[in-house]
PDB file of N, CA and C in Angstrom:
ATOM      1  N   VAL A   1       4.077   7.807  -6.372  1.00  0.00           N
ATOM      2  CA  VAL A   1       4.275   6.367  -6.483  1.00  0.00           C
ATOM      3  C   VAL A   1       5.709   6.072  -6.113  1.00  0.00           C
ATOM      4  N   ALA A   2       5.944   5.000  -5.408  1.00  0.00           N
ATOM      5  CA  ALA A   2       7.305   4.666  -4.994  1.00  0.00           C
ATOM      6  C   ALA A   2       7.716   3.324  -5.549  1.00  0.00           C
ATOM      7  N   LEU A   3       8.942   3.262  -6.016  1.00  0.00           N
ATOM      8  CA  LEU A   3       9.545   2.003  -6.409  1.00  0.00           C
ATOM      9  C   LEU A   3      10.481   1.620  -5.289  1.00  0.00           C
ATOM     10  N   GLU A   4      10.326   0.422  -4.751  1.00  0.00           N
ATOM     11  CA  GLU A   4      11.168   0.002  -3.654  1.00  0.00           C
ATOM     12  C   GLU A   4      12.026  -1.155  -4.095  1.00  0.00           C
ATOM     13  N   ASP A   5      13.298  -1.086  -3.789  1.00  0.00           N
ATOM     14  CA  ASP A   5      14.227  -2.165  -4.082  1.00  0.00           C
ATOM     15  C   ASP A   5      14.723  -2.689  -2.743  1.00  0.00           C
ATOM     16  N   ALA A   6      14.171  -3.805  -2.303  1.00  0.00           N
ATOM     17  CA  ALA A   6      14.493  -4.342  -0.989  1.00  0.00           C
ATOM     18  C   ALA A   6      15.974  -4.668  -0.856  1.00  0.00           C
ATOM     19  N   GLY A   7      16.617  -5.035  -1.937  1.00  0.00           N
ATOM     20  CA  GLY A   7      18.029  -5.387  -1.892  1.00  0.00           C
ATOM     21  C   GLY A   7      18.910  -4.190  -1.609  1.00  0.00           C
ATOM     22  N   VAL A   8      18.499  -3.015  -2.038  1.00  0.00           N
ATOM     23  CA  VAL A   8      19.283  -1.815  -1.834  1.00  0.00           C
ATOM     24  C   VAL A   8      18.785  -1.061  -0.612  1.00  0.00           C
ATOM     25  N   GLY A   9      17.507  -1.203  -0.319  1.00  0.00           N
ATOM     26  CA  GLY A   9      16.939  -0.581   0.862  1.00  0.00           C
ATOM     27  C   GLY A   9      16.580   0.881   0.704  1.00  0.00           C
ATOM     28  N   HIS A  10      16.149   1.281  -0.486  1.00  0.00           N
ATOM     29  CA  HIS A  10      15.712   2.661  -0.672  1.00  0.00           C
ATOM     30  C   HIS A  10      14.531   2.697  -1.610  1.00  0.00           C
ATOM     31  N   GLY A  11      13.797   3.809  -1.593  1.00  0.00           N
ATOM     32  CA  GLY A  11      12.670   3.990  -2.493  1.00  0.00           C
ATOM     33  C   GLY A  11      13.002   5.058  -3.516  1.00  0.00           C
ATOM     34  N   VAL A  12      12.369   4.963  -4.655  1.00  0.00           N
ATOM     35  CA  VAL A  12      12.533   5.959  -5.710  1.00  0.00           C
ATOM     36  C   VAL A  12      11.162   6.558  -5.966  1.00  0.00           C
ATOM     37  N   ASP A  13      11.050   7.882  -5.858  1.00  0.00           N
ATOM     38  CA  ASP A  13       9.761   8.534  -6.100  1.00  0.00           C
ATOM     39  C   ASP A  13       9.504   8.650  -7.596  1.00  0.00           C
ATOM     40  N   ILE A  14       8.259   8.401  -7.980  1.00  0.00           N
ATOM     41  CA  ILE A  14       7.831   8.509  -9.367  1.00  0.00           C
ATOM     42  C   ILE A  14       6.882   9.702  -9.459  1.00  0.00           C
ATOM     43  N   LEU A  15       7.085  10.549 -10.440  1.00  0.00           N
ATOM     44  CA  LEU A  15       6.196  11.688 -10.604  1.00  0.00           C
ATOM     45  C   LEU A  15       5.054  11.320 -11.535  1.00  0.00           C
ATOM     46  N   ASP A  16       5.229  11.444 -12.839  1.00  0.00           N
ATOM     47  CA  ASP A  16       4.195  11.052 -13.783  1.00  0.00           C
ATOM     48  C   ASP A  16       4.759  11.042 -15.187  1.00  0.00           C
ATOM     49  N   GLY A  17       3.955  10.576 -16.149  1.00  0.00           N
ATOM     50  CA  GLY A  17       4.299  10.609 -17.562  1.00  0.00           C
ATOM     51  C   GLY A  17       5.597   9.909 -17.899  1.00  0.00           C
ATOM     52  N   ASP A  18       6.384  10.536 -18.783  1.00  0.00           N
ATOM     53  CA  ASP A  18       7.624   9.943 -19.250  1.00  0.00           C
ATOM     54  C   ASP A  18       8.630   9.752 -18.127  1.00  0.00           C
ATOM     55  N   LEU A  19       8.592  10.623 -17.128  1.00  0.00           N
ATOM     56  CA  LEU A  19       9.504  10.481 -16.005  1.00  0.00           C
ATOM     57  C   LEU A  19       9.227   9.173 -15.262  1.00  0.00           C
ATOM     58  N   ALA A  20       7.957   8.802 -15.121  1.00  0.00           N
ATOM     59  CA  ALA A  20       7.611   7.550 -14.455  1.00  0.00           C
ATOM     60  C   ALA A  20       8.208   6.369 -15.195  1.00  0.00           C
ATOM     61  N   LEU A  21       8.110   6.354 -16.497  1.00  0.00           N
ATOM     62  CA  LEU A  21       8.659   5.266 -17.292  1.00  0.00           C
ATOM     63  C   LEU A  21      10.176   5.239 -17.174  1.00  0.00           C
ATOM     64  N   ALA A  22      10.814   6.394 -17.234  1.00  0.00           N
ATOM     65  CA  ALA A  22      12.274   6.460 -17.121  1.00  0.00           C
ATOM     66  C   ALA A  22      12.736   5.969 -15.756  1.00  0.00           C
ATOM     67  N   GLU A  23      12.063   6.389 -14.700  1.00  0.00           N
ATOM     68  CA  GLU A  23      12.422   5.948 -13.350  1.00  0.00           C
ATOM     69  C   GLU A  23      12.219   4.451 -13.184  1.00  0.00           C
ATOM     70  N   LEU A  24      11.161   3.915 -13.780  1.00  0.00           N
ATOM     71  CA  LEU A  24      10.910   2.483 -13.721  1.00  0.00           C
ATOM     72  C   LEU A  24      12.041   1.709 -14.394  1.00  0.00           C
ATOM     73  N   LEU A  25      12.449   2.162 -15.552  1.00  0.00           N
ATOM     74  CA  LEU A  25      13.548   1.507 -16.266  1.00  0.00           C
ATOM     75  C   LEU A  25      14.831   1.539 -15.447  1.00  0.00           C
ATOM     76  N   ILE A  26      15.137   2.675 -14.865  1.00  0.00           N
ATOM     77  CA  ILE A  26      16.346   2.812 -14.054  1.00  0.00           C
ATOM     78  C   ILE A  26      16.289   1.893 -12.837  1.00  0.00           C
ATOM     79  N   ALA A  27      15.145   1.869 -12.156  1.00  0.00           N
ATOM     80  CA  ALA A  27      15.014   1.025 -10.967  1.00  0.00           C
ATOM     81  C   ALA A  27      15.179  -0.449 -11.311  1.00  0.00           C
ATOM     82  N   LEU A  28      14.589  -0.886 -12.421  1.00  0.00           N
ATOM     83  CA  LEU A  28      14.716  -2.286 -12.819  1.00  0.00           C
ATOM     84  C   LEU A  28      16.152  -2.623 -13.219  1.00  0.00           C
ATOM     85  N   GLU A  29      16.844  -1.683 -13.849  1.00  0.00           N
ATOM     86  CA  GLU A  29      18.241  -1.914 -14.205  1.00  0.00           C
ATOM     87  C   GLU A  29      19.102  -2.077 -12.958  1.00  0.00           C
ATOM     88  N   HIS A  30      18.791  -1.330 -11.908  1.00  0.00           N
ATOM     89  CA  HIS A  30      19.554  -1.442 -10.662  1.00  0.00           C
ATOM     90  C   HIS A  30      19.327  -2.781  -9.971  1.00  0.00           C
ATOM     91  N   MET A  31      18.267  -3.468 -10.333  1.00  0.00           N
ATOM     92  CA  MET A  31      17.993  -4.774  -9.737  1.00  0.00           C
ATOM     93  C   MET A  31      18.868  -5.864 -10.345  1.00  0.00           C
ATOM     94  N   GLY A  32      19.594  -5.545 -11.396  1.00  0.00           N
ATOM     95  CA  GLY A  32      20.540  -6.507 -11.952  1.00  0.00           C
ATOM     96  C   GLY A  32      20.173  -6.957 -13.344  1.00  0.00           C
ATOM     97  N   GLN A  33      21.163  -7.503 -14.027  1.00  0.00           N
ATOM     98  CA  GLN A  33      20.979  -7.971 -15.392  1.00  0.00           C
ATOM     99  C   GLN A  33      20.177  -9.272 -15.441  1.00  0.00           C
ATOM    100  N   GLN A  34      20.388 -10.145 -14.465  1.00  0.00           N
ATOM    101  CA  GLN A  34      19.623 -11.390 -14.419  1.00  0.00           C
ATOM    102  C   GLN A  34      18.242 -11.070 -13.869  1.00  0.00           C
ATOM    103  N   PRO A  35      17.202 -11.458 -14.595  1.00  0.00           N
ATOM    104  CA  PRO A  35      15.857 -11.160 -14.086  1.00  0.00           C
ATOM    105  C   PRO A  35      15.618 -11.877 -12.760  1.00  0.00           C
ATOM    106  N   SER A  36      15.353 -11.114 -11.738  1.00  0.00           N
ATOM    107  CA  SER A  36      15.018 -11.704 -10.454  1.00  0.00           C
ATOM    108  C   SER A  36      13.548 -11.425 -10.190  1.00  0.00           C
ATOM    109  N   PRO A  37      12.917 -12.245  -9.377  1.00  0.00           N
ATOM    110  CA  PRO A  37      11.493 -12.022  -9.098  1.00  0.00           C
ATOM    111  C   PRO A  37      11.267 -10.665  -8.429  1.00  0.00           C
ATOM    112  N   VAL A  38      10.178 -10.038  -8.809  1.00  0.00           N
ATOM    113  CA  VAL A  38       9.769  -8.777  -8.204  1.00  0.00           C
ATOM    114  C   VAL A  38       8.301  -8.864  -7.818  1.00  0.00           C
ATOM    115  N   ALA A  39       7.924  -8.092  -6.823  1.00  0.00           N
ATOM    116  CA  ALA A  39       6.519  -7.942  -6.448  1.00  0.00           C
ATOM    117  C   ALA A  39       6.087  -6.578  -6.964  1.00  0.00           C
ATOM    118  N   VAL A  40       5.123  -6.567  -7.872  1.00  0.00           N
ATOM    119  CA  VAL A  40       4.623  -5.330  -8.464  1.00  0.00           C
ATOM    120  C   VAL A  40       3.229  -5.068  -7.902  1.00  0.00           C
ATOM    121  N   THR A  41       3.070  -3.936  -7.247  1.00  0.00           N
ATOM    122  CA  THR A  41       1.762  -3.541  -6.726  1.00  0.00           C
ATOM    123  C   THR A  41       1.208  -2.484  -7.664  1.00  0.00           C
ATOM    124  N   TYR A  42      -0.014  -2.729  -8.167  1.00  0.00           N
ATOM    125  CA  TYR A  42      -0.605  -1.832  -9.160  1.00  0.00           C
ATOM    126  C   TYR A  42      -2.103  -1.741  -8.964  1.00  0.00           C
ATOM    127  N   PHE A  43      -2.683  -0.684  -9.526  1.00  0.00           N
ATOM    128  CA  PHE A  43      -4.109  -0.413  -9.390  1.00  0.00           C
ATOM    129  C   PHE A  43      -4.896  -1.110 -10.484  1.00  0.00           C
ATOM    130  N   VAL A  44      -5.994  -1.756 -10.109  1.00  0.00           N
ATOM    131  CA  VAL A  44      -6.914  -2.372 -11.065  1.00  0.00           C
ATOM    132  C   VAL A  44      -8.276  -1.716 -10.858  1.00  0.00           C
ATOM    133  N   ALA A  45      -8.761  -1.042 -11.901  1.00  0.00           N
ATOM    134  CA  ALA A  45     -10.054  -0.353 -11.808  1.00  0.00           C
ATOM    135  C   ALA A  45     -11.194  -1.366 -11.750  1.00  0.00           C
ATOM    136  N   ASP A  46     -12.237  -1.005 -11.005  1.00  0.00           N
ATOM    137  CA  ASP A  46     -13.444  -1.827 -10.925  1.00  0.00           C
ATOM    138  C   ASP A  46     -14.252  -1.583 -12.196  1.00  0.00           C
ATOM    139  N   SER A  47     -14.637  -2.642 -12.891  1.00  0.00           N
ATOM    140  CA  SER A  47     -15.355  -2.500 -14.160  1.00  0.00           C
ATOM    141  C   SER A  47     -16.824  -2.110 -13.978  1.00  0.00           C
ATOM    142  N   ARG A  48     -17.349  -2.248 -12.768  1.00  0.00           N
ATOM    143  CA  ARG A  48     -18.774  -1.976 -12.539  1.00  0.00           C
ATOM    144  C   ARG A  48     -19.062  -0.642 -11.862  1.00  0.00           C
ATOM    145  N   LYS A  49     -18.093  -0.167 -11.093  1.00  0.00           N
ATOM    146  CA  LYS A  49     -18.334   1.080 -10.369  1.00  0.00           C
ATOM    147  C   LYS A  49     -17.042   1.866 -10.275  1.00  0.00           C
ATOM    148  N   GLU A  50     -17.152   3.073  -9.761  1.00  0.00           N
ATOM    149  CA  GLU A  50     -15.987   3.932  -9.599  1.00  0.00           C
ATOM    150  C   GLU A  50     -15.049   3.338  -8.553  1.00  0.00           C
ATOM    151  N   GLY A  51     -13.761   3.488  -8.766  1.00  0.00           N
ATOM    152  CA  GLY A  51     -12.783   2.985  -7.800  1.00  0.00           C
ATOM    153  C   GLY A  51     -12.113   1.716  -8.303  1.00  0.00           C
ATOM    154  N   GLY A  52     -11.546   0.988  -7.391  1.00  0.00           N
ATOM    155  CA  GLY A  52     -10.838  -0.237  -7.738  1.00  0.00           C
ATOM    156  C   GLY A  52     -10.045  -0.729  -6.550  1.00  0.00           C
ATOM    157  N   THR A  53      -9.022  -1.521  -6.828  1.00  0.00           N
ATOM    158  CA  THR A  53      -8.222  -2.103  -5.756  1.00  0.00           C
ATOM    159  C   THR A  53      -6.771  -2.209  -6.187  1.00  0.00           C
ATOM    160  N   TYR A  54      -5.893  -2.312  -5.211  1.00  0.00           N
ATOM    161  CA  TYR A  54      -4.486  -2.558  -5.501  1.00  0.00           C
ATOM    162  C   TYR A  54      -4.222  -4.048  -5.426  1.00  0.00           C
ATOM    163  N   VAL A  55      -3.498  -4.540  -6.412  1.00  0.00           N
ATOM    164  CA  VAL A  55      -3.168  -5.961  -6.533  1.00  0.00           C
ATOM    165  C   VAL A  55      -1.650  -6.081  -6.553  1.00  0.00           C
ATOM    166  N   THR A  56      -1.118  -7.130  -5.945  1.00  0.00           N
ATOM    167  CA  THR A  56       0.318  -7.385  -5.997  1.00  0.00           C
ATOM    168  C   THR A  56       0.561  -8.666  -6.768  1.00  0.00           C
ATOM    169  N   LYS A  57       1.372  -8.571  -7.802  1.00  0.00           N
ATOM    170  CA  LYS A  57       1.740  -9.709  -8.653  1.00  0.00           C
ATOM    171  C   LYS A  57       3.229  -9.973  -8.454  1.00  0.00           C
ATOM    172  N   THR A  58       3.586 -11.215  -8.152  1.00  0.00           N
ATOM    173  CA  THR A  58       4.983 -11.593  -8.003  1.00  0.00           C
ATOM    174  C   THR A  58       5.404 -12.429  -9.194  1.00  0.00           C
ATOM    175  N   GLY A  59       6.540 -12.095  -9.778  1.00  0.00           N
ATOM    176  CA  GLY A  59       7.059 -12.832 -10.924  1.00  0.00           C
ATOM    177  C   GLY A  59       8.248 -12.097 -11.514  1.00  0.00           C
ATOM    178  N   LYS A  60       8.700 -12.567 -12.668  1.00  0.00           N
ATOM    179  CA  LYS A  60       9.830 -11.938 -13.345  1.00  0.00           C
ATOM    180  C   LYS A  60       9.316 -11.048 -14.475  1.00  0.00           C
ATOM    181  N   VAL A  61       9.980  -9.907 -14.642  1.00  0.00           N
ATOM    182  CA  VAL A  61       9.635  -8.982 -15.714  1.00  0.00           C
ATOM    183  C   VAL A  61      10.284  -9.488 -16.996  1.00  0.00           C
ATOM    184  N   ARG A  62       9.475  -9.699 -18.030  1.00  0.00           N
ATOM    185  CA  ARG A  62      10.012 -10.130 -19.319  1.00  0.00           C
ATOM    186  C   ARG A  62      10.552  -8.939 -20.089  1.00  0.00           C
ATOM    187  N   LYS A  63       9.757  -7.853 -20.156  1.00  0.00           N
ATOM    188  CA  LYS A  63      10.223  -6.639 -20.830  1.00  0.00           C
ATOM    189  C   LYS A  63       9.312  -5.479 -20.498  1.00  0.00           C
ATOM    190  N   ILE A  64       9.785  -4.285 -20.872  1.00  0.00           N
ATOM    191  CA  ILE A  64       8.985  -3.075 -20.732  1.00  0.00           C
ATOM    192  C   ILE A  64       8.749  -2.542 -22.133  1.00  0.00           C
ATOM    193  N   HIS A  65       7.486  -2.410 -22.493  1.00  0.00           N
ATOM    194  CA  HIS A  65       7.131  -1.880 -23.810  1.00  0.00           C
ATOM    195  C   HIS A  65       6.991  -0.368 -23.655  1.00  0.00           C
ATOM    196  N   ARG A  66       7.981   0.356 -24.123  1.00  0.00           N
ATOM    197  CA  ARG A  66       8.019   1.808 -23.904  1.00  0.00           C
ATOM    198  C   ARG A  66       6.897   2.543 -24.619  1.00  0.00           C
ATOM    199  N   TYR A  67       6.592   2.157 -25.850  1.00  0.00           N
ATOM    200  CA  TYR A  67       5.569   2.873 -26.619  1.00  0.00           C
ATOM    201  C   TYR A  67       4.185   2.679 -26.003  1.00  0.00           C
ATOM    202  N   ARG A  68       3.858   1.439 -25.635  1.00  0.00           N
ATOM    203  CA  ARG A  68       2.545   1.152 -25.039  1.00  0.00           C
ATOM    204  C   ARG A  68       2.511   1.441 -23.546  1.00  0.00           C
ATOM    205  N   ARG A  69       3.695   1.704 -22.951  1.00  0.00           N
ATOM    206  CA  ARG A  69       3.830   2.036 -21.537  1.00  0.00           C
ATOM    207  C   ARG A  69       3.285   0.930 -20.645  1.00  0.00           C
ATOM    208  N   VAL A  70       3.724  -0.312 -20.921  1.00  0.00           N
ATOM    209  CA  VAL A  70       3.331  -1.436 -20.087  1.00  0.00           C
ATOM    210  C   VAL A  70       4.551  -2.255 -19.682  1.00  0.00           C
ATOM    211  N   LEU A  71       4.466  -2.823 -18.495  1.00  0.00           N
ATOM    212  CA  LEU A  71       5.450  -3.762 -17.997  1.00  0.00           C
ATOM    213  C   LEU A  71       4.888  -5.143 -18.313  1.00  0.00           C
ATOM    214  N   ILE A  72       5.648  -5.983 -18.998  1.00  0.00           N
ATOM    215  CA  ILE A  72       5.160  -7.307 -19.386  1.00  0.00           C
ATOM    216  C   ILE A  72       5.856  -8.344 -18.521  1.00  0.00           C
ATOM    217  N   MET A  73       5.056  -9.085 -17.784  1.00  0.00           N
ATOM    218  CA  MET A  73       5.586 -10.110 -16.895  1.00  0.00           C
ATOM    219  C   MET A  73       5.874 -11.387 -17.683  1.00  0.00           C
ATOM    220  N   GLU A  74       6.649 -12.270 -17.083  1.00  0.00           N
ATOM    221  CA  GLU A  74       7.044 -13.518 -17.728  1.00  0.00           C
ATOM    222  C   GLU A  74       5.839 -14.366 -18.149  1.00  0.00           C
ATOM    223  N   ASP A  75       4.731 -14.291 -17.398  1.00  0.00           N
ATOM    224  CA  ASP A  75       3.532 -15.069 -17.726  1.00  0.00           C
ATOM    225  C   ASP A  75       2.627 -14.374 -18.741  1.00  0.00           C
ATOM    226  N   GLY A  76       3.071 -13.206 -19.256  1.00  0.00           N
ATOM    227  CA  GLY A  76       2.295 -12.488 -20.272  1.00  0.00           C
ATOM    228  C   GLY A  76       1.408 -11.385 -19.734  1.00  0.00           C
ATOM    229  N   LEU A  77       1.258 -11.283 -18.414  1.00  0.00           N
ATOM    230  CA  LEU A  77       0.447 -10.222 -17.823  1.00  0.00           C
ATOM    231  C   LEU A  77       1.051  -8.869 -18.175  1.00  0.00           C
ATOM    232  N   GLU A  78       0.217  -7.950 -18.636  1.00  0.00           N
ATOM    233  CA  GLU A  78       0.659  -6.595 -18.970  1.00  0.00           C
ATOM    234  C   GLU A  78       0.126  -5.628 -17.921  1.00  0.00           C
ATOM    235  N   ILE A  79       1.050  -4.882 -17.308  1.00  0.00           N
ATOM    236  CA  ILE A  79       0.690  -3.937 -16.257  1.00  0.00           C
ATOM    237  C   ILE A  79       1.019  -2.530 -16.747  1.00  0.00           C
ATOM    238  N   PRO A  80       0.016  -1.651 -16.859  1.00  0.00           N
ATOM    239  CA  PRO A  80       0.295  -0.270 -17.282  1.00  0.00           C
ATOM    240  C   PRO A  80       1.244   0.419 -16.307  1.00  0.00           C
ATOM    241  N   VAL A  81       2.272   1.048 -16.838  1.00  0.00           N
ATOM    242  CA  VAL A  81       3.272   1.728 -16.020  1.00  0.00           C
ATOM    243  C   VAL A  81       2.616   2.767 -15.113  1.00  0.00           C
ATOM    244  N   ASP A  82       1.645   3.487 -15.625  1.00  0.00           N
ATOM    245  CA  ASP A  82       1.009   4.547 -14.845  1.00  0.00           C
ATOM    246  C   ASP A  82       0.167   4.025 -13.686  1.00  0.00           C
ATOM    247  N   ASP A  83      -0.142   2.718 -13.677  1.00  0.00           N
ATOM    248  CA  ASP A  83      -0.926   2.130 -12.595  1.00  0.00           C
ATOM    249  C   ASP A  83      -0.055   1.515 -11.508  1.00  0.00           C
ATOM    250  N   ILE A  84       1.258   1.478 -11.719  1.00  0.00           N
ATOM    251  CA  ILE A  84       2.157   0.834 -10.762  1.00  0.00           C
ATOM    252  C   ILE A  84       2.372   1.743  -9.552  1.00  0.00           C
ATOM    253  N   ARG A  85       2.188   1.163  -8.381  1.00  0.00           N
ATOM    254  CA  ARG A  85       2.400   1.901  -7.126  1.00  0.00           C
ATOM    255  C   ARG A  85       3.776   1.585  -6.545  1.00  0.00           C
ATOM    256  N   ALA A  86       4.203   0.311  -6.623  1.00  0.00           N
ATOM    257  CA  ALA A  86       5.498  -0.065  -6.036  1.00  0.00           C
ATOM    258  C   ALA A  86       6.041  -1.317  -6.717  1.00  0.00           C
ATOM    259  N   ILE A  87       7.356  -1.415  -6.712  1.00  0.00           N
ATOM    260  CA  ILE A  87       8.042  -2.624  -7.169  1.00  0.00           C
ATOM    261  C   ILE A  87       9.081  -2.958  -6.117  1.00  0.00           C
ATOM    262  N   GLN A  88       9.105  -4.220  -5.721  1.00  0.00           N
ATOM    263  CA  GLN A  88      10.055  -4.643  -4.706  1.00  0.00           C
ATOM    264  C   GLN A  88      10.709  -5.948  -5.149  1.00  0.00           C
ATOM    265  N   ARG A  89      12.031  -6.014  -5.053  1.00  0.00           N
ATOM    266  CA  ARG A  89      12.747  -7.245  -5.417  1.00  0.00           C
ATOM    267  C   ARG A  89      12.413  -8.331  -4.402  1.00  0.00           C
ATOM    268  N   GLN A  90      12.246  -9.546  -4.887  1.00  0.00           N
ATOM    269  CA  GLN A  90      11.960 -10.703  -4.051  1.00  0.00           C
ATOM    270  C   GLN A  90      13.154 -11.644  -4.043  1.00  0.00           C
ATOM    271  N   GLU A  91      13.304 -12.382  -2.979  1.00  0.00           N
ATOM    272  CA  GLU A  91      14.358 -13.400  -2.917  1.00  0.00           C
ATOM    273  C   GLU A  91      13.931 -14.605  -3.724  1.00  0.00           C
ATOM    274  N   GLU A  92      14.889 -15.229  -4.408  1.00  0.00           N
ATOM    275  CA  GLU A  92      14.562 -16.426  -5.208  1.00  0.00           C
ATOM    276  C   GLU A  92      14.538 -17.654  -4.344  1.00  0.00           C
TER     277      GLU A  92
END
C-alpha cells in the first residue's frame, strides 16, 4: 500500500499491522498541522459476494483512532487503516 503526498512528491510504502498505522500517522503529520483536504483511496468489500471495489473519499481527517485502527474523516466516515491503499493531499 502506498501513501502519496502530492505536496512533497513522494510515496511511502506501507507493510502491514502496527507499521501501517505508524506510517499513516507519520505521513499525515508531514502534511502539516492545519488539516488540509486529502483523497483517501480504500477498499470496500462487497456484502453479497467475494471481492469489492476501491473508493476514493476526499475530505479532512478529523482524527486517527489508534486502538480501533480507523481514520475518522470530518464528516464522521470511519475508514479502517488496513483497507487504505493511498492518501494524497488535495489543494484547498
